[in-house]
Each structure stands twice: as C-alpha cells, then as structure tokens.
Amino acid sequence: MSIPQLLVHDLRDNVGVVVVEDLTAGTDMLCVVTEDNSDFRLTAKADIPIGHKVALKDLAEGDTIIKYGVDIGRMVGPAGTGEHVHTHNLKTKRW
C-alpha cells in the first residue's frame, strides 16, 4: 500500500490535511478518510506545505469549512478542488 499524502478526518469534511513534506503541484495524492479508512485520489493544484489544508471540492467566498466534522471558519477567497486552503483564504468566525 502507498503512503497517503492527505488525511481527511470525517466524511463531512470539505478540506483535508497534507501529511508529507514537499508536496508539489501536480501530485496525484492518495487521500485517506480516517473515520472509515476509505481512500480516494486528488491532484494537488499547488505546492502545499505539510500541515496545511487542501480543498476537497470547489469552495467559494463565504463557504463554511468543515474539518474534524466541525465548522473551523469561512472562506474569504475561493479555492478550487485540490487547491491550498490557509490564512490567505480562510478565516475563523470567532472574530
């Protein structure tokens, strides 16, 4: 079995987390959903650092982001499927 490059914690999540160093644009990632150990493939559209998030579907400004099955914030800019989601396009709703 291959080593996953992206982990998704909950089936409801719309982002996953990069779990390898040096993930580069164009990588065909093995993505594993830890809730049920299922997997799928997704192409990284950018170089994305370890620990950062990747959009699992097209996300628009204003969309709620779900990670660990919970609301972690809202998009303040768009991210297409396979694109980087971080502080440049995601903000907490707390303040």
PDB file of N, CA and C in Angstrom:
ATOM      1  N   MET A   1       0.845  -1.191   0.000  1.00  0.00           N
ATOM      2  CA  MET A   1       0.000   0.000   0.000  1.00  0.00           C
ATOM      3  C   MET A   1       0.885   1.246   0.000  1.00  0.00           C
ATOM      4  N   SER A   2       0.451   2.262  -0.687  1.00  0.00           N
ATOM      5  CA  SER A   2       1.157   3.532  -0.740  1.00  0.00           C
ATOM      6  C   SER A   2       0.923   4.321   0.536  1.00  0.00           C
ATOM      7  N   ILE A   3       1.812   5.254   0.792  1.00  0.00           N
ATOM      8  CA  ILE A   3       1.678   6.142   1.941  1.00  0.00           C
ATOM      9  C   ILE A   3       0.792   7.316   1.548  1.00  0.00           C
ATOM     10  N   PRO A   4      -0.232   7.622   2.351  1.00  0.00           N
ATOM     11  CA  PRO A   4      -1.113   8.739   1.999  1.00  0.00           C
ATOM     12  C   PRO A   4      -0.384  10.081   2.104  1.00  0.00           C
ATOM     13  N   GLN A   5      -0.763  10.986   1.217  1.00  0.00           N
ATOM     14  CA  GLN A   5      -0.251  12.357   1.280  1.00  0.00           C
ATOM     15  C   GLN A   5      -1.246  13.305   1.944  1.00  0.00           C
ATOM     16  N   LEU A   6      -2.516  12.890   2.016  1.00  0.00           N
ATOM     17  CA  LEU A   6      -3.561  13.751   2.565  1.00  0.00           C
ATOM     18  C   LEU A   6      -4.463  12.928   3.468  1.00  0.00           C
ATOM     19  N   LEU A   7      -4.789  13.490   4.644  1.00  0.00           N
ATOM     20  CA  LEU A   7      -5.735  12.844   5.551  1.00  0.00           C
ATOM     21  C   LEU A   7      -6.992  13.695   5.665  1.00  0.00           C
ATOM     22  N   VAL A   8      -8.124  13.021   5.641  1.00  0.00           N
ATOM     23  CA  VAL A   8      -9.424  13.623   5.869  1.00  0.00           C
ATOM     24  C   VAL A   8      -9.961  12.923   7.105  1.00  0.00           C
ATOM     25  N   HIS A   9     -10.376  13.692   8.105  1.00  0.00           N
ATOM     26  CA  HIS A   9     -10.733  13.087   9.385  1.00  0.00           C
ATOM     27  C   HIS A   9     -12.169  12.590   9.453  1.00  0.00           C
ATOM     28  N   ASP A  10     -13.077  13.259   8.774  1.00  0.00           N
ATOM     29  CA  ASP A  10     -14.503  12.976   8.902  1.00  0.00           C
ATOM     30  C   ASP A  10     -15.117  12.979   7.508  1.00  0.00           C
ATOM     31  N   LEU A  11     -16.091  12.146   7.265  1.00  0.00           N
ATOM     32  CA  LEU A  11     -16.737  12.082   5.955  1.00  0.00           C
ATOM     33  C   LEU A  11     -17.416  13.394   5.568  1.00  0.00           C
ATOM     34  N   ARG A  12     -17.749  14.236   6.546  1.00  0.00           N
ATOM     35  CA  ARG A  12     -18.388  15.535   6.266  1.00  0.00           C
ATOM     36  C   ARG A  12     -17.388  16.634   5.914  1.00  0.00           C
ATOM     37  N   ASP A  13     -16.092  16.393   6.114  1.00  0.00           N
ATOM     38  CA  ASP A  13     -15.074  17.418   5.877  1.00  0.00           C
ATOM     39  C   ASP A  13     -15.027  17.851   4.413  1.00  0.00           C
ATOM     40  N   ASN A  14     -14.752  19.141   4.209  1.00  0.00           N
ATOM     41  CA  ASN A  14     -14.554  19.624   2.841  1.00  0.00           C
ATOM     42  C   ASN A  14     -13.118  20.085   2.598  1.00  0.00           C
ATOM     43  N   VAL A  15     -12.237  19.817   3.570  1.00  0.00           N
ATOM     44  CA  VAL A  15     -10.793  20.001   3.416  1.00  0.00           C
ATOM     45  C   VAL A  15     -10.084  18.797   4.016  1.00  0.00           C
ATOM     46  N   GLY A  16      -8.890  18.539   3.506  1.00  0.00           N
ATOM     47  CA  GLY A  16      -8.014  17.521   4.067  1.00  0.00           C
ATOM     48  C   GLY A  16      -6.696  18.172   4.450  1.00  0.00           C
ATOM     49  N   VAL A  17      -5.844  17.439   5.173  1.00  0.00           N
ATOM     50  CA  VAL A  17      -4.584  17.967   5.662  1.00  0.00           C
ATOM     51  C   VAL A  17      -3.418  17.222   5.020  1.00  0.00           C
ATOM     52  N   VAL A  18      -2.463  17.989   4.482  1.00  0.00           N
ATOM     53  CA  VAL A  18      -1.252  17.412   3.898  1.00  0.00           C
ATOM     54  C   VAL A  18      -0.400  16.823   5.021  1.00  0.00           C
ATOM     55  N   VAL A  19       0.047  15.581   4.840  1.00  0.00           N
ATOM     56  CA  VAL A  19       0.809  14.891   5.888  1.00  0.00           C
ATOM     57  C   VAL A  19       2.199  14.463   5.422  1.00  0.00           C
ATOM     58  N   VAL A  20       2.685  15.048   4.335  1.00  0.00           N
ATOM     59  CA  VAL A  20       4.038  14.757   3.842  1.00  0.00           C
ATOM     60  C   VAL A  20       4.760  16.068   3.551  1.00  0.00           C
ATOM     61  N   GLU A  21       6.082  16.032   3.613  1.00  0.00           N
ATOM     62  CA  GLU A  21       6.899  17.189   3.244  1.00  0.00           C
ATOM     63  C   GLU A  21       6.954  17.308   1.727  1.00  0.00           C
ATOM     64  N   ASP A  22       7.128  18.524   1.252  1.00  0.00           N
ATOM     65  CA  ASP A  22       7.424  18.790  -0.157  1.00  0.00           C
ATOM     66  C   ASP A  22       6.352  18.309  -1.130  1.00  0.00           C
ATOM     67  N   LEU A  23       5.075  18.491  -0.787  1.00  0.00           N
ATOM     68  CA  LEU A  23       4.003  18.160  -1.719  1.00  0.00           C
ATOM     69  C   LEU A  23       4.003  19.206  -2.832  1.00  0.00           C
ATOM     70  N   THR A  24       4.114  18.769  -4.066  1.00  0.00           N
ATOM     71  CA  THR A  24       4.220  19.691  -5.187  1.00  0.00           C
ATOM     72  C   THR A  24       2.978  19.653  -6.071  1.00  0.00           C
ATOM     73  N   ALA A  25       2.756  20.765  -6.766  1.00  0.00           N
ATOM     74  CA  ALA A  25       1.653  20.869  -7.712  1.00  0.00           C
ATOM     75  C   ALA A  25       1.741  19.724  -8.708  1.00  0.00           C
ATOM     76  N   GLY A  26       0.586  19.154  -9.006  1.00  0.00           N
ATOM     77  CA  GLY A  26       0.521  18.051  -9.952  1.00  0.00           C
ATOM     78  C   GLY A  26       0.597  16.675  -9.326  1.00  0.00           C
ATOM     79  N   THR A  27       0.879  16.611  -8.026  1.00  0.00           N
ATOM     80  CA  THR A  27       0.945  15.321  -7.340  1.00  0.00           C
ATOM     81  C   THR A  27      -0.430  14.671  -7.301  1.00  0.00           C
ATOM     82  N   ASP A  28      -0.503  13.410  -7.721  1.00  0.00           N
ATOM     83  CA  ASP A  28      -1.722  12.611  -7.607  1.00  0.00           C
ATOM     84  C   ASP A  28      -1.710  12.029  -6.201  1.00  0.00           C
ATOM     85  N   MET A  29      -2.420  12.671  -5.283  1.00  0.00           N
ATOM     86  CA  MET A  29      -2.362  12.316  -3.868  1.00  0.00           C
ATOM     87  C   MET A  29      -3.254  11.126  -3.542  1.00  0.00           C
ATOM     88  N   LEU A  30      -2.732  10.249  -2.702  1.00  0.00           N
ATOM     89  CA  LEU A  30      -3.555   9.236  -2.055  1.00  0.00           C
ATOM     90  C   LEU A  30      -4.130   9.904  -0.813  1.00  0.00           C
ATOM     91  N   CYS A  31      -5.454   9.959  -0.723  1.00  0.00           N
ATOM     92  CA  CYS A  31      -6.160  10.610   0.373  1.00  0.00           C
ATOM     93  C   CYS A  31      -6.904   9.542   1.163  1.00  0.00           C
ATOM     94  N   VAL A  32      -6.721   9.539   2.472  1.00  0.00           N
ATOM     95  CA  VAL A  32      -7.359   8.550   3.332  1.00  0.00           C
ATOM     96  C   VAL A  32      -8.298   9.251   4.301  1.00  0.00           C
ATOM     97  N   VAL A  33      -9.518   8.722   4.425  1.00  0.00           N
ATOM     98  CA  VAL A  33     -10.504   9.218   5.381  1.00  0.00           C
ATOM     99  C   VAL A  33     -10.363   8.366   6.643  1.00  0.00           C
ATOM    100  N   THR A  34      -9.896   8.982   7.727  1.00  0.00           N
ATOM    101  CA  THR A  34      -9.611   8.214   8.941  1.00  0.00           C
ATOM    102  C   THR A  34     -10.872   7.690   9.623  1.00  0.00           C
ATOM    103  N   GLU A  35     -12.026   8.342   9.391  1.00  0.00           N
ATOM    104  CA  GLU A  35     -13.276   7.897  10.021  1.00  0.00           C
ATOM    105  C   GLU A  35     -13.627   6.461   9.636  1.00  0.00           C
ATOM    106  N   ASP A  36     -13.427   6.111   8.362  1.00  0.00           N
ATOM    107  CA  ASP A  36     -13.806   4.765   7.918  1.00  0.00           C
ATOM    108  C   ASP A  36     -12.704   4.049   7.122  1.00  0.00           C
ATOM    109  N   ASN A  37     -11.512   4.656   7.079  1.00  0.00           N
ATOM    110  CA  ASN A  37     -10.354   4.087   6.388  1.00  0.00           C
ATOM    111  C   ASN A  37     -10.566   3.940   4.873  1.00  0.00           C
ATOM    112  N   SER A  38     -11.516   4.699   4.321  1.00  0.00           N
ATOM    113  CA  SER A  38     -11.686   4.709   2.860  1.00  0.00           C
ATOM    114  C   SER A  38     -10.607   5.594   2.247  1.00  0.00           C
ATOM    115  N   ASP A  39     -10.450   5.513   0.935  1.00  0.00           N
ATOM    116  CA  ASP A  39      -9.466   6.362   0.274  1.00  0.00           C
ATOM    117  C   ASP A  39      -9.976   6.818  -1.079  1.00  0.00           C
ATOM    118  N   PHE A  40      -9.337   7.852  -1.595  1.00  0.00           N
ATOM    119  CA  PHE A  40      -9.636   8.396  -2.915  1.00  0.00           C
ATOM    120  C   PHE A  40      -8.397   9.116  -3.410  1.00  0.00           C
ATOM    121  N   ARG A  41      -8.410   9.550  -4.664  1.00  0.00           N
ATOM    122  CA  ARG A  41      -7.285  10.270  -5.264  1.00  0.00           C
ATOM    123  C   ARG A  41      -7.707  11.711  -5.541  1.00  0.00           C
ATOM    124  N   LEU A  42      -6.748  12.613  -5.432  1.00  0.00           N
ATOM    125  CA  LEU A  42      -6.980  14.025  -5.702  1.00  0.00           C
ATOM    126  C   LEU A  42      -5.661  14.621  -6.174  1.00  0.00           C
ATOM    127  N   THR A  43      -5.708  15.493  -7.172  1.00  0.00           N
ATOM    128  CA  THR A  43      -4.500  16.127  -7.685  1.00  0.00           C
ATOM    129  C   THR A  43      -4.272  17.462  -6.999  1.00  0.00           C
ATOM    130  N   ALA A  44      -3.067  17.654  -6.455  1.00  0.00           N
ATOM    131  CA  ALA A  44      -2.695  18.928  -5.842  1.00  0.00           C
ATOM    132  C   ALA A  44      -2.506  19.964  -6.942  1.00  0.00           C
ATOM    133  N   LYS A  45      -3.139  21.120  -6.801  1.00  0.00           N
ATOM    134  CA  LYS A  45      -3.057  22.179  -7.807  1.00  0.00           C
ATOM    135  C   LYS A  45      -1.947  23.189  -7.497  1.00  0.00           C
ATOM    136  N   ALA A  46      -1.289  23.030  -6.343  1.00  0.00           N
ATOM    137  CA  ALA A  46      -0.225  23.956  -5.930  1.00  0.00           C
ATOM    138  C   ALA A  46       0.748  23.196  -5.038  1.00  0.00           C
ATOM    139  N   ASP A  47       1.913  23.787  -4.810  1.00  0.00           N
ATOM    140  CA  ASP A  47       2.814  23.281  -3.777  1.00  0.00           C
ATOM    141  C   ASP A  47       2.160  23.617  -2.441  1.00  0.00           C
ATOM    142  N   ILE A  48       2.002  22.623  -1.566  1.00  0.00           N
ATOM    143  CA  ILE A  48       1.293  22.848  -0.305  1.00  0.00           C
ATOM    144  C   ILE A  48       2.122  22.275   0.839  1.00  0.00           C
ATOM    145  N   PRO A  49       2.450  23.107   1.838  1.00  0.00           N
ATOM    146  CA  PRO A  49       3.280  22.647   2.958  1.00  0.00           C
ATOM    147  C   PRO A  49       2.570  21.613   3.840  1.00  0.00           C
ATOM    148  N   ILE A  50       3.363  20.803   4.505  1.00  0.00           N
ATOM    149  CA  ILE A  50       2.836  19.840   5.462  1.00  0.00           C
ATOM    150  C   ILE A  50       2.017  20.574   6.525  1.00  0.00           C
ATOM    151  N   GLY A  51       0.881  19.987   6.900  1.00  0.00           N
ATOM    152  CA  GLY A  51       0.018  20.575   7.925  1.00  0.00           C
ATOM    153  C   GLY A  51      -1.009  21.554   7.383  1.00  0.00           C
ATOM    154  N   HIS A  52      -0.869  21.959   6.124  1.00  0.00           N
ATOM    155  CA  HIS A  52      -1.830  22.890   5.536  1.00  0.00           C
ATOM    156  C   HIS A  52      -2.981  22.117   4.898  1.00  0.00           C
ATOM    157  N   LYS A  53      -4.064  22.821   4.615  1.00  0.00           N
ATOM    158  CA  LYS A  53      -5.287  22.194   4.119  1.00  0.00           C
ATOM    159  C   LYS A  53      -5.394  22.264   2.591  1.00  0.00           C
ATOM    160  N   VAL A  54      -6.152  21.309   2.049  1.00  0.00           N
ATOM    161  CA  VAL A  54      -6.442  21.225   0.618  1.00  0.00           C
ATOM    162  C   VAL A  54      -7.960  21.140   0.457  1.00  0.00           C
ATOM    163  N   ALA A  55      -8.499  21.902  -0.491  1.00  0.00           N
ATOM    164  CA  ALA A  55      -9.931  21.861  -0.778  1.00  0.00           C
ATOM    165  C   ALA A  55     -10.291  20.531  -1.430  1.00  0.00           C
ATOM    166  N   LEU A  56     -11.302  19.861  -0.897  1.00  0.00           N
ATOM    167  CA  LEU A  56     -11.777  18.593  -1.459  1.00  0.00           C
ATOM    168  C   LEU A  56     -12.840  18.814  -2.534  1.00  0.00           C
ATOM    169  N   LYS A  57     -13.343  20.039  -2.614  1.00  0.00           N
ATOM    170  CA  LYS A  57     -14.321  20.427  -3.633  1.00  0.00           C
ATOM    171  C   LYS A  57     -14.123  21.917  -3.870  1.00  0.00           C
ATOM    172  N   ASP A  58     -14.746  22.452  -4.896  1.00  0.00           N
ATOM    173  CA  ASP A  58     -14.657  23.886  -5.134  1.00  0.00           C
ATOM    174  C   ASP A  58     -15.296  24.632  -3.966  1.00  0.00           C
ATOM    175  N   LEU A  59     -14.556  25.601  -3.429  1.00  0.00           N
ATOM    176  CA  LEU A  59     -15.026  26.390  -2.294  1.00  0.00           C
ATOM    177  C   LEU A  59     -15.079  27.856  -2.705  1.00  0.00           C
ATOM    178  N   ALA A  60     -16.171  28.529  -2.373  1.00  0.00           N
ATOM    179  CA  ALA A  60     -16.362  29.933  -2.726  1.00  0.00           C
ATOM    180  C   ALA A  60     -16.262  30.812  -1.485  1.00  0.00           C
ATOM    181  N   GLU A  61     -16.031  32.090  -1.702  1.00  0.00           N
ATOM    182  CA  GLU A  61     -16.020  33.051  -0.610  1.00  0.00           C
ATOM    183  C   GLU A  61     -17.336  32.933   0.154  1.00  0.00           C
ATOM    184  N   GLY A  62     -17.256  32.861   1.476  1.00  0.00           N
ATOM    185  CA  GLY A  62     -18.442  32.725   2.321  1.00  0.00           C
ATOM    186  C   GLY A  62     -18.762  31.301   2.722  1.00  0.00           C
ATOM    187  N   ASP A  63     -18.194  30.315   2.029  1.00  0.00           N
ATOM    188  CA  ASP A  63     -18.458  28.910   2.377  1.00  0.00           C
ATOM    189  C   ASP A  63     -17.907  28.575   3.758  1.00  0.00           C
ATOM    190  N   THR A  64     -18.618  27.740   4.480  1.00  0.00           N
ATOM    191  CA  THR A  64     -18.160  27.226   5.772  1.00  0.00           C
ATOM    192  C   THR A  64     -17.214  26.065   5.530  1.00  0.00           C
ATOM    193  N   ILE A  65     -16.114  26.053   6.272  1.00  0.00           N
ATOM    194  CA  ILE A  65     -15.129  24.978   6.148  1.00  0.00           C
ATOM    195  C   ILE A  65     -15.313  24.007   7.301  1.00  0.00           C
ATOM    196  N   ILE A  66     -15.402  22.728   6.931  1.00  0.00           N
ATOM    197  CA  ILE A  66     -15.591  21.654   7.898  1.00  0.00           C
ATOM    198  C   ILE A  66     -14.327  20.801   7.937  1.00  0.00           C
ATOM    199  N   LYS A  67     -13.760  20.667   9.140  1.00  0.00           N
ATOM    200  CA  LYS A  67     -12.590  19.822   9.390  1.00  0.00           C
ATOM    201  C   LYS A  67     -12.851  19.131  10.725  1.00  0.00           C
ATOM    202  N   TYR A  68     -12.508  17.866  10.836  1.00  0.00           N
ATOM    203  CA  TYR A  68     -12.836  17.062  12.028  1.00  0.00           C
ATOM    204  C   TYR A  68     -14.343  16.976  12.234  1.00  0.00           C
ATOM    205  N   GLY A  69     -15.129  17.233  11.176  1.00  0.00           N
ATOM    206  CA  GLY A  69     -16.581  17.201  11.280  1.00  0.00           C
ATOM    207  C   GLY A  69     -17.183  18.441  11.910  1.00  0.00           C
ATOM    208  N   VAL A  70     -16.377  19.485  12.141  1.00  0.00           N
ATOM    209  CA  VAL A  70     -16.872  20.711  12.769  1.00  0.00           C
ATOM    210  C   VAL A  70     -16.501  21.939  11.935  1.00  0.00           C
ATOM    211  N   ASP A  71     -17.242  22.998  12.161  1.00  0.00           N
ATOM    212  CA  ASP A  71     -17.023  24.282  11.494  1.00  0.00           C
ATOM    213  C   ASP A  71     -15.740  24.908  12.045  1.00  0.00           C
ATOM    214  N   ILE A  72     -14.740  25.136  11.178  1.00  0.00           N
ATOM    215  CA  ILE A  72     -13.493  25.774  11.632  1.00  0.00           C
ATOM    216  C   ILE A  72     -13.335  27.189  11.079  1.00  0.00           C
ATOM    217  N   GLY A  73     -14.282  27.645  10.243  1.00  0.00           N
ATOM    218  CA  GLY A  73     -14.169  29.003   9.714  1.00  0.00           C
ATOM    219  C   GLY A  73     -14.907  29.163   8.405  1.00  0.00           C
ATOM    220  N   ARG A  74     -14.644  30.318   7.765  1.00  0.00           N
ATOM    221  CA  ARG A  74     -15.304  30.601   6.484  1.00  0.00           C
ATOM    222  C   ARG A  74     -14.273  31.073   5.478  1.00  0.00           C
ATOM    223  N   MET A  75     -14.574  30.798   4.236  1.00  0.00           N
ATOM    224  CA  MET A  75     -13.688  31.204   3.154  1.00  0.00           C
ATOM    225  C   MET A  75     -13.826  32.707   2.917  1.00  0.00           C
ATOM    226  N   VAL A  76     -12.688  33.397   2.813  1.00  0.00           N
ATOM    227  CA  VAL A  76     -12.676  34.824   2.476  1.00  0.00           C
ATOM    228  C   VAL A  76     -12.156  35.017   1.058  1.00  0.00           C
ATOM    229  N   GLY A  77     -11.875  33.925   0.400  1.00  0.00           N
ATOM    230  CA  GLY A  77     -11.472  33.892  -1.003  1.00  0.00           C
ATOM    231  C   GLY A  77     -11.728  32.484  -1.512  1.00  0.00           C
ATOM    232  N   PRO A  78     -11.765  32.302  -2.802  1.00  0.00           N
ATOM    233  CA  PRO A  78     -12.078  30.983  -3.354  1.00  0.00           C
ATOM    234  C   PRO A  78     -10.898  30.020  -3.331  1.00  0.00           C
ATOM    235  N   ALA A  79     -11.200  28.738  -3.428  1.00  0.00           N
ATOM    236  CA  ALA A  79     -10.204  27.682  -3.624  1.00  0.00           C
ATOM    237  C   ALA A  79     -10.878  26.572  -4.413  1.00  0.00           C
ATOM    238  N   GLY A  80     -10.298  26.222  -5.530  1.00  0.00           N
ATOM    239  CA  GLY A  80     -10.826  25.124  -6.327  1.00  0.00           C
ATOM    240  C   GLY A  80     -10.405  23.784  -5.746  1.00  0.00           C
ATOM    241  N   THR A  81     -11.005  22.734  -6.213  1.00  0.00           N
ATOM    242  CA  THR A  81     -10.660  21.381  -5.785  1.00  0.00           C
ATOM    243  C   THR A  81      -9.156  21.151  -5.967  1.00  0.00           C
ATOM    244  N   GLY A  82      -8.500  20.709  -4.898  1.00  0.00           N
ATOM    245  CA  GLY A  82      -7.065  20.439  -4.942  1.00  0.00           C
ATOM    246  C   GLY A  82      -6.191  21.636  -4.643  1.00  0.00           C
ATOM    247  N   GLU A  83      -6.798  22.794  -4.358  1.00  0.00           N
ATOM    248  CA  GLU A  83      -6.019  23.999  -4.084  1.00  0.00           C
ATOM    249  C   GLU A  83      -5.776  24.193  -2.590  1.00  0.00           C
ATOM    250  N   HIS A  84      -4.804  25.032  -2.286  1.00  0.00           N
ATOM    251  CA  HIS A  84      -4.350  25.358  -0.941  1.00  0.00           C
ATOM    252  C   HIS A  84      -5.416  26.155  -0.189  1.00  0.00           C
ATOM    253  N   VAL A  85      -5.716  25.742   1.028  1.00  0.00           N
ATOM    254  CA  VAL A  85      -6.621  26.468   1.925  1.00  0.00           C
ATOM    255  C   VAL A  85      -5.826  26.783   3.181  1.00  0.00           C
ATOM    256  N   HIS A  86      -5.665  28.088   3.456  1.00  0.00           N
ATOM    257  CA  HIS A  86      -4.890  28.524   4.621  1.00  0.00           C
ATOM    258  C   HIS A  86      -5.314  29.953   4.961  1.00  0.00           C
ATOM    259  N   THR A  87      -4.499  30.669   5.690  1.00  0.00           N
ATOM    260  CA  THR A  87      -4.873  32.002   6.181  1.00  0.00           C
ATOM    261  C   THR A  87      -5.111  33.026   5.077  1.00  0.00           C
ATOM    262  N   HIS A  88      -4.641  32.761   3.872  1.00  0.00           N
ATOM    263  CA  HIS A  88      -4.874  33.701   2.765  1.00  0.00           C
ATOM    264  C   HIS A  88      -6.311  33.634   2.235  1.00  0.00           C
ATOM    265  N   ASN A  89      -7.021  32.540   2.506  1.00  0.00           N
ATOM    266  CA  ASN A  89      -8.396  32.428   2.008  1.00  0.00           C
ATOM    267  C   ASN A  89      -9.370  31.822   3.027  1.00  0.00           C
ATOM    268  N   LEU A  90      -8.931  31.611   4.251  1.00  0.00           N
ATOM    269  CA  LEU A  90      -9.771  31.045   5.313  1.00  0.00           C
ATOM    270  C   LEU A  90      -9.568  31.830   6.598  1.00  0.00           C
ATOM    271  N   LYS A  91     -10.662  32.214   7.218  1.00  0.00           N
ATOM    272  CA  LYS A  91     -10.615  32.945   8.492  1.00  0.00           C
ATOM    273  C   LYS A  91     -11.564  32.301   9.482  1.00  0.00           C
ATOM    274  N   THR A  92     -11.208  32.388  10.749  1.00  0.00           N
ATOM    275  CA  THR A  92     -12.088  31.920  11.802  1.00  0.00           C
ATOM    276  C   THR A  92     -13.329  32.799  11.868  1.00  0.00           C
ATOM    277  N   LYS A  93     -14.414  32.258  12.403  1.00  0.00           N
ATOM    278  CA  LYS A  93     -15.634  33.046  12.610  1.00  0.00           C
ATOM    279  C   LYS A  93     -15.663  33.648  14.012  1.00  0.00           C
ATOM    280  N   ARG A  94     -14.642  33.367  14.793  1.00  0.00           N
ATOM    281  CA  ARG A  94     -14.625  33.820  16.188  1.00  0.00           C
ATOM    282  C   ARG A  94     -14.440  35.330  16.310  1.00  0.00           C
ATOM    283  N   TRP A  95     -13.720  35.945  15.379  1.00  0.00           N
ATOM    284  CA  TRP A  95     -13.509  37.388  15.409  1.00  0.00           C
ATOM    285  C   TRP A  95     -13.296  37.931  14.036  1.00  0.00           C
TER     286      TRP A  95
END
